[in-house]
Amino acid sequence: MRRLVRHCFTLCSALSLLLCIAICVLWVRSYRISEQVNWRNAGGWRAVSTASGEVEVALLLADWSAYPREFRTPRYERDMPRLPVNYLMELGGSWDDVDSDWQWRGFAWHQKRNTRQGILHAEGYVPFWSVAATTALLPLGWTTVRLRSRVRHRRRKSLGLCPTCGYDLRATPDRCPECGALKLPPPAPP
């Protein structure tokens, strides 16, 4: 069971590292081009895009069932690089719209809500550095665990301890009386 957990941890760490690399590539590209995936359906419009150094998630939740010509499956689009801009400030609105904004160190959330009409416009920004750091945590944890394991194994070997449990093997050098592990044979010369 322990081995399965270790293999799952290694697999998840490798996938997280690949995701981190992909995010770093998108981060660098965000300063040269703006990329977007958006789609429309009866429930409104959704988009995930890049702006210079940031990831943007935008959505419009509204009843679009009367506009089937506007529906489309996810579509990828590229454009010139742009800075993250709160486009909701530029939208006209109704007298009963409720606006709310939150910003902190590059993170942002902006929304315009009209409960009478059942409409929500919202957009959020997250800096790429935070997404890259989050996806790098698991590989860093894996590396730390592996390095500590190697250091512990070398230390035990140099002190004449069992490499499995750390029991003192000076009295019984061939087999550990504590865990039953056999002494590893020395590596064959090349």
C-alpha atoms as a PDB file:
ATOM      1  CA  MET A   1       0.000   0.000   0.000  1.00  0.00           C
ATOM      2  CA  ARG A   2       2.827   2.351   0.889  1.00  0.00           C
ATOM      3  CA  ARG A   3       4.473   1.722  -2.451  1.00  0.00           C
ATOM      4  CA  LEU A   4       1.222   2.532  -4.292  1.00  0.00           C
ATOM      5  CA  VAL A   5       0.925   5.830  -2.402  1.00  0.00           C
ATOM      6  CA  ARG A   6       4.543   6.651  -3.288  1.00  0.00           C
ATOM      7  CA  HIS A   7       3.930   5.905  -6.984  1.00  0.00           C
ATOM      8  CA  CYS A   8       0.727   7.998  -6.999  1.00  0.00           C
ATOM      9  CA  PHE A   9       2.611  10.871  -5.332  1.00  0.00           C
ATOM     10  CA  THR A  10       5.363  10.605  -7.961  1.00  0.00           C
ATOM     11  CA  LEU A  11       2.831  10.526 -10.824  1.00  0.00           C
ATOM     12  CA  CYS A  12       0.901  13.512  -9.456  1.00  0.00           C
ATOM     13  CA  SER A  13       4.167  15.404  -8.966  1.00  0.00           C
ATOM     14  CA  ALA A  14       5.204  14.728 -12.561  1.00  0.00           C
ATOM     15  CA  LEU A  15       1.824  15.878 -13.890  1.00  0.00           C
ATOM     16  CA  SER A  16       1.968  18.977 -11.713  1.00  0.00           C
ATOM     17  CA  LEU A  17       5.462  19.740 -13.024  1.00  0.00           C
ATOM     18  CA  LEU A  18       4.227  19.461 -16.625  1.00  0.00           C
ATOM     19  CA  LEU A  19       1.320  21.752 -15.802  1.00  0.00           C
ATOM     20  CA  CYS A  20       3.708  24.226 -14.170  1.00  0.00           C
ATOM     21  CA  ILE A  21       5.890  24.263 -17.299  1.00  0.00           C
ATOM     22  CA  ALA A  22       2.834  24.807 -19.530  1.00  0.00           C
ATOM     23  CA  ILE A  23       1.673  27.679 -17.311  1.00  0.00           C
ATOM     24  CA  CYS A  24       5.113  29.282 -17.433  1.00  0.00           C
ATOM     25  CA  VAL A  25       5.035  29.072 -21.248  1.00  0.00           C
ATOM     26  CA  LEU A  26       1.597  30.743 -21.287  1.00  0.00           C
ATOM     27  CA  TRP A  27       2.903  33.358 -18.859  1.00  0.00           C
ATOM     28  CA  VAL A  28       5.751  34.318 -21.200  1.00  0.00           C
ATOM     29  CA  ARG A  29       3.415  34.257 -24.224  1.00  0.00           C
ATOM     30  CA  SER A  30       0.915  36.533 -22.457  1.00  0.00           C
ATOM     31  CA  TYR A  31       3.257  39.486 -23.006  1.00  0.00           C
ATOM     32  CA  ARG A  32       3.358  38.876 -26.787  1.00  0.00           C
ATOM     33  CA  ILE A  33      -0.180  37.706 -27.575  1.00  0.00           C
ATOM     34  CA  SER A  34      -3.519  37.501 -25.827  1.00  0.00           C
ATOM     35  CA  GLU A  35      -5.208  34.097 -26.047  1.00  0.00           C
ATOM     36  CA  GLN A  36      -8.805  33.285 -25.240  1.00  0.00           C
ATOM     37  CA  VAL A  37     -11.156  30.316 -25.134  1.00  0.00           C
ATOM     38  CA  ASN A  38     -14.815  31.372 -25.033  1.00  0.00           C
ATOM     39  CA  TRP A  39     -18.187  29.777 -25.553  1.00  0.00           C
ATOM     40  CA  ARG A  40     -21.833  30.789 -25.557  1.00  0.00           C
ATOM     41  CA  ASN A  41     -24.966  28.841 -24.733  1.00  0.00           C
ATOM     42  CA  ALA A  42     -28.482  29.369 -23.385  1.00  0.00           C
ATOM     43  CA  GLY A  43     -27.018  30.224 -19.970  1.00  0.00           C
ATOM     44  CA  GLY A  44     -24.818  33.072 -21.224  1.00  0.00           C
ATOM     45  CA  TRP A  45     -21.172  33.537 -22.109  1.00  0.00           C
ATOM     46  CA  ARG A  46     -17.927  32.282 -20.522  1.00  0.00           C
ATOM     47  CA  ALA A  47     -14.263  32.918 -21.305  1.00  0.00           C
ATOM     48  CA  VAL A  48     -10.785  32.132 -20.035  1.00  0.00           C
ATOM     49  CA  SER A  49      -8.061  34.356 -21.424  1.00  0.00           C
ATOM     50  CA  THR A  50      -4.582  35.718 -20.887  1.00  0.00           C
ATOM     51  CA  ALA A  51      -3.642  39.338 -20.410  1.00  0.00           C
ATOM     52  CA  SER A  52      -0.095  40.593 -19.850  1.00  0.00           C
ATOM     53  CA  GLY A  53       1.046  38.467 -16.900  1.00  0.00           C
ATOM     54  CA  GLU A  54      -2.454  37.523 -15.800  1.00  0.00           C
ATOM     55  CA  VAL A  55      -5.137  34.882 -16.293  1.00  0.00           C
ATOM     56  CA  GLU A  56      -8.666  36.232 -16.730  1.00  0.00           C
ATOM     57  CA  VAL A  57     -11.904  34.363 -16.163  1.00  0.00           C
ATOM     58  CA  ALA A  58     -15.040  36.175 -17.348  1.00  0.00           C
ATOM     59  CA  LEU A  59     -18.661  35.174 -17.452  1.00  0.00           C
ATOM     60  CA  LEU A  60     -22.109  36.455 -18.199  1.00  0.00           C
ATOM     61  CA  LEU A  61     -24.909  34.496 -16.606  1.00  0.00           C
ATOM     62  CA  ALA A  62     -28.184  35.392 -18.288  1.00  0.00           C
ATOM     63  CA  ASP A  63     -31.070  33.756 -20.124  1.00  0.00           C
ATOM     64  CA  TRP A  64     -29.920  33.624 -23.750  1.00  0.00           C
ATOM     65  CA  SER A  65     -32.389  30.959 -24.815  1.00  0.00           C
ATOM     66  CA  ALA A  66     -34.052  33.476 -27.173  1.00  0.00           C
ATOM     67  CA  TYR A  67     -30.776  33.931 -29.105  1.00  0.00           C
ATOM     68  CA  PRO A  68     -29.786  30.476 -30.441  1.00  0.00           C
ATOM     69  CA  ARG A  69     -27.781  32.074 -33.288  1.00  0.00           C
ATOM     70  CA  GLU A  70     -25.350  33.360 -30.663  1.00  0.00           C
ATOM     71  CA  PHE A  71     -24.634  29.851 -29.293  1.00  0.00           C
ATOM     72  CA  ARG A  72     -21.261  28.309 -30.060  1.00  0.00           C
ATOM     73  CA  THR A  73     -18.976  25.621 -28.759  1.00  0.00           C
ATOM     74  CA  PRO A  74     -15.629  26.575 -27.183  1.00  0.00           C
ATOM     75  CA  ARG A  75     -13.591  28.670 -29.596  1.00  0.00           C
ATOM     76  CA  TYR A  76      -9.903  29.598 -29.420  1.00  0.00           C
ATOM     77  CA  GLU A  77      -8.951  33.146 -30.426  1.00  0.00           C
ATOM     78  CA  ARG A  78      -5.672  35.101 -30.494  1.00  0.00           C
ATOM     79  CA  ASP A  79      -5.192  38.842 -30.406  1.00  0.00           C
ATOM     80  CA  MET A  80      -2.629  41.520 -29.677  1.00  0.00           C
ATOM     81  CA  PRO A  81      -1.276  41.579 -26.119  1.00  0.00           C
ATOM     82  CA  ARG A  82      -3.357  43.626 -23.718  1.00  0.00           C
ATOM     83  CA  LEU A  83      -3.325  44.736 -20.133  1.00  0.00           C
ATOM     84  CA  PRO A  84      -5.950  43.375 -17.745  1.00  0.00           C
ATOM     85  CA  VAL A  85      -8.844  45.844 -17.874  1.00  0.00           C
ATOM     86  CA  ASN A  86     -12.109  45.856 -15.975  1.00  0.00           C
ATOM     87  CA  TYR A  87     -14.444  46.029 -18.978  1.00  0.00           C
ATOM     88  CA  LEU A  88     -17.500  45.998 -16.691  1.00  0.00           C
ATOM     89  CA  MET A  89     -16.841  49.671 -15.899  1.00  0.00           C
ATOM     90  CA  GLU A  90     -17.441  50.469 -19.578  1.00  0.00           C
ATOM     91  CA  LEU A  91     -20.762  48.642 -19.781  1.00  0.00           C
ATOM     92  CA  GLY A  92     -23.902  50.635 -19.529  1.00  0.00           C
ATOM     93  CA  GLY A  93     -26.369  49.362 -17.032  1.00  0.00           C
ATOM     94  CA  SER A  94     -29.749  49.673 -15.408  1.00  0.00           C
ATOM     95  CA  TRP A  95     -30.680  51.777 -12.419  1.00  0.00           C
ATOM     96  CA  ASP A  96     -30.847  48.666 -10.216  1.00  0.00           C
ATOM     97  CA  ASP A  97     -27.433  47.185 -11.097  1.00  0.00           C
ATOM     98  CA  VAL A  98     -25.228  46.408  -8.126  1.00  0.00           C
ATOM     99  CA  ASP A  99     -21.471  46.735  -8.777  1.00  0.00           C
ATOM    100  CA  SER A 100     -18.809  45.253  -6.539  1.00  0.00           C
ATOM    101  CA  ASP A 101     -15.040  45.235  -6.889  1.00  0.00           C
ATOM    102  CA  TRP A 102     -12.203  43.635  -4.971  1.00  0.00           C
ATOM    103  CA  GLN A 103      -8.486  43.996  -5.725  1.00  0.00           C
ATOM    104  CA  TRP A 104      -5.401  42.877  -3.850  1.00  0.00           C
ATOM    105  CA  ARG A 105      -1.793  42.514  -5.104  1.00  0.00           C
ATOM    106  CA  GLY A 106      -2.687  41.644  -8.678  1.00  0.00           C
ATOM    107  CA  PHE A 107      -5.735  39.538  -7.787  1.00  0.00           C
ATOM    108  CA  ALA A 108      -9.066  41.095  -8.740  1.00  0.00           C
ATOM    109  CA  TRP A 109     -12.779  40.321  -8.852  1.00  0.00           C
ATOM    110  CA  HIS A 110     -15.313  42.640 -10.508  1.00  0.00           C
ATOM    111  CA  GLN A 111     -19.010  41.990 -10.895  1.00  0.00           C
ATOM    112  CA  LYS A 112     -22.189  43.719 -12.020  1.00  0.00           C
ATOM    113  CA  ARG A 113     -25.398  42.030 -10.861  1.00  0.00           C
ATOM    114  CA  ASN A 114     -29.020  42.746 -11.664  1.00  0.00           C
ATOM    115  CA  THR A 115     -31.321  40.460  -9.690  1.00  0.00           C
ATOM    116  CA  ARG A 116     -34.482  41.854 -11.305  1.00  0.00           C
ATOM    117  CA  GLN A 117     -33.279  40.787 -14.772  1.00  0.00           C
ATOM    118  CA  GLY A 118     -31.389  37.723 -13.514  1.00  0.00           C
ATOM    119  CA  ILE A 119     -28.066  38.866 -14.997  1.00  0.00           C
ATOM    120  CA  LEU A 120     -24.555  38.551 -13.604  1.00  0.00           C
ATOM    121  CA  HIS A 121     -21.476  39.917 -15.382  1.00  0.00           C
ATOM    122  CA  ALA A 122     -18.280  38.923 -13.573  1.00  0.00           C
ATOM    123  CA  GLU A 123     -14.572  38.779 -14.235  1.00  0.00           C
ATOM    124  CA  GLY A 124     -11.621  37.765 -12.145  1.00  0.00           C
ATOM    125  CA  TYR A 125      -7.872  38.153 -12.591  1.00  0.00           C
ATOM    126  CA  VAL A 126      -5.132  35.999 -11.130  1.00  0.00           C
ATOM    127  CA  PRO A 127      -1.414  36.701 -11.668  1.00  0.00           C
ATOM    128  CA  PHE A 128       0.416  33.952 -13.538  1.00  0.00           C
ATOM    129  CA  TRP A 129       3.108  33.838 -10.854  1.00  0.00           C
ATOM    130  CA  SER A 130       0.555  32.578  -8.309  1.00  0.00           C
ATOM    131  CA  VAL A 131      -0.722  29.837 -10.614  1.00  0.00           C
ATOM    132  CA  ALA A 132       2.857  28.763 -11.446  1.00  0.00           C
ATOM    133  CA  ALA A 133       3.811  28.736  -7.756  1.00  0.00           C
ATOM    134  CA  THR A 134       0.758  26.664  -6.849  1.00  0.00           C
ATOM    135  CA  THR A 135       1.490  24.031  -9.492  1.00  0.00           C
ATOM    136  CA  ALA A 136       5.176  23.953  -8.431  1.00  0.00           C
ATOM    137  CA  LEU A 137       4.362  23.030  -4.818  1.00  0.00           C
ATOM    138  CA  LEU A 138       3.850  19.304  -5.401  1.00  0.00           C
ATOM    139  CA  PRO A 139       7.080  18.799  -7.406  1.00  0.00           C
ATOM    140  CA  LEU A 140       8.990  20.757  -4.763  1.00  0.00           C
ATOM    141  CA  GLY A 141       7.498  18.542  -2.061  1.00  0.00           C
ATOM    142  CA  TRP A 142       8.442  15.426  -4.014  1.00  0.00           C
ATOM    143  CA  THR A 143      12.017  16.684  -4.464  1.00  0.00           C
ATOM    144  CA  THR A 144      12.303  17.471  -0.747  1.00  0.00           C
ATOM    145  CA  VAL A 145      11.056  14.022   0.253  1.00  0.00           C
ATOM    146  CA  ARG A 146      13.458  12.298  -2.177  1.00  0.00           C
ATOM    147  CA  LEU A 147      16.465  14.339  -1.013  1.00  0.00           C
ATOM    148  CA  ARG A 148      15.701  13.690   2.658  1.00  0.00           C
ATOM    149  CA  SER A 149      15.345   9.970   1.926  1.00  0.00           C
ATOM    150  CA  ARG A 150      18.733   9.858   0.181  1.00  0.00           C
ATOM    151  CA  VAL A 151      20.454  11.777   2.957  1.00  0.00           C
ATOM    152  CA  ARG A 152      18.905   9.484   5.585  1.00  0.00           C
ATOM    153  CA  HIS A 153      19.925   6.360   3.611  1.00  0.00           C
ATOM    154  CA  ARG A 154      23.542   7.551   3.174  1.00  0.00           C
ATOM    155  CA  ARG A 155      23.784   8.533   6.842  1.00  0.00           C
ATOM    156  CA  ARG A 156      22.487   5.143   7.987  1.00  0.00           C
ATOM    157  CA  LYS A 157      24.865   3.333   5.644  1.00  0.00           C
ATOM    158  CA  SER A 158      27.905   5.303   6.827  1.00  0.00           C
ATOM    159  CA  LEU A 159      27.044   4.681  10.501  1.00  0.00           C
ATOM    160  CA  GLY A 160      26.435   0.946  10.012  1.00  0.00           C
ATOM    161  CA  LEU A 161      22.686   1.165  10.593  1.00  0.00           C
ATOM    162  CA  CYS A 162      19.916  -0.763   8.885  1.00  0.00           C
ATOM    163  CA  PRO A 163      18.906   1.193   5.753  1.00  0.00           C
ATOM    164  CA  THR A 164      15.233   0.267   6.309  1.00  0.00           C
ATOM    165  CA  CYS A 165      14.603   0.958   9.997  1.00  0.00           C
ATOM    166  CA  GLY A 166      17.846   2.507  11.326  1.00  0.00           C
ATOM    167  CA  TYR A 167      18.667  -0.292  13.828  1.00  0.00           C
ATOM    168  CA  ASP A 168      22.338  -0.660  14.838  1.00  0.00           C
ATOM    169  CA  LEU A 169      23.803  -3.553  12.791  1.00  0.00           C
ATOM    170  CA  ARG A 170      27.276  -3.751  14.342  1.00  0.00           C
ATOM    171  CA  ALA A 171      26.406  -6.959  16.210  1.00  0.00           C
ATOM    172  CA  THR A 172      24.485  -8.567  13.329  1.00  0.00           C
ATOM    173  CA  PRO A 173      25.883  -7.160  10.067  1.00  0.00           C
ATOM    174  CA  ASP A 174      24.147  -9.619   7.693  1.00  0.00           C
ATOM    175  CA  ARG A 175      20.498  -9.255   8.783  1.00  0.00           C
ATOM    176  CA  CYS A 176      18.599  -6.676  10.826  1.00  0.00           C
ATOM    177  CA  PRO A 177      17.112  -8.291  13.966  1.00  0.00           C
ATOM    178  CA  GLU A 178      14.528  -5.484  14.176  1.00  0.00           C
ATOM    179  CA  CYS A 179      12.897  -5.560  10.705  1.00  0.00           C
ATOM    180  CA  GLY A 180      14.529  -8.609   9.071  1.00  0.00           C
ATOM    181  CA  ALA A 181      16.072  -6.679   6.166  1.00  0.00           C
ATOM    182  CA  LEU A 182      19.073  -8.306   4.533  1.00  0.00           C
ATOM    183  CA  LYS A 183      22.329  -6.446   4.069  1.00  0.00           C
ATOM    184  CA  LEU A 184      22.590  -5.263   0.491  1.00  0.00           C
ATOM    185  CA  PRO A 185      25.493  -6.777  -1.429  1.00  0.00           C
ATOM    186  CA  PRO A 186      28.139  -4.288  -2.558  1.00  0.00           C
ATOM    187  CA  PRO A 187      27.733  -3.121  -6.157  1.00  0.00           C
ATOM    188  CA  ALA A 188      29.584  -5.162  -8.783  1.00  0.00           C
ATOM    189  CA  PRO A 189      32.653  -3.469 -10.249  1.00  0.00           C
ATOM    190  CA  PRO A 190      32.193  -2.258 -13.837  1.00  0.00           C
END
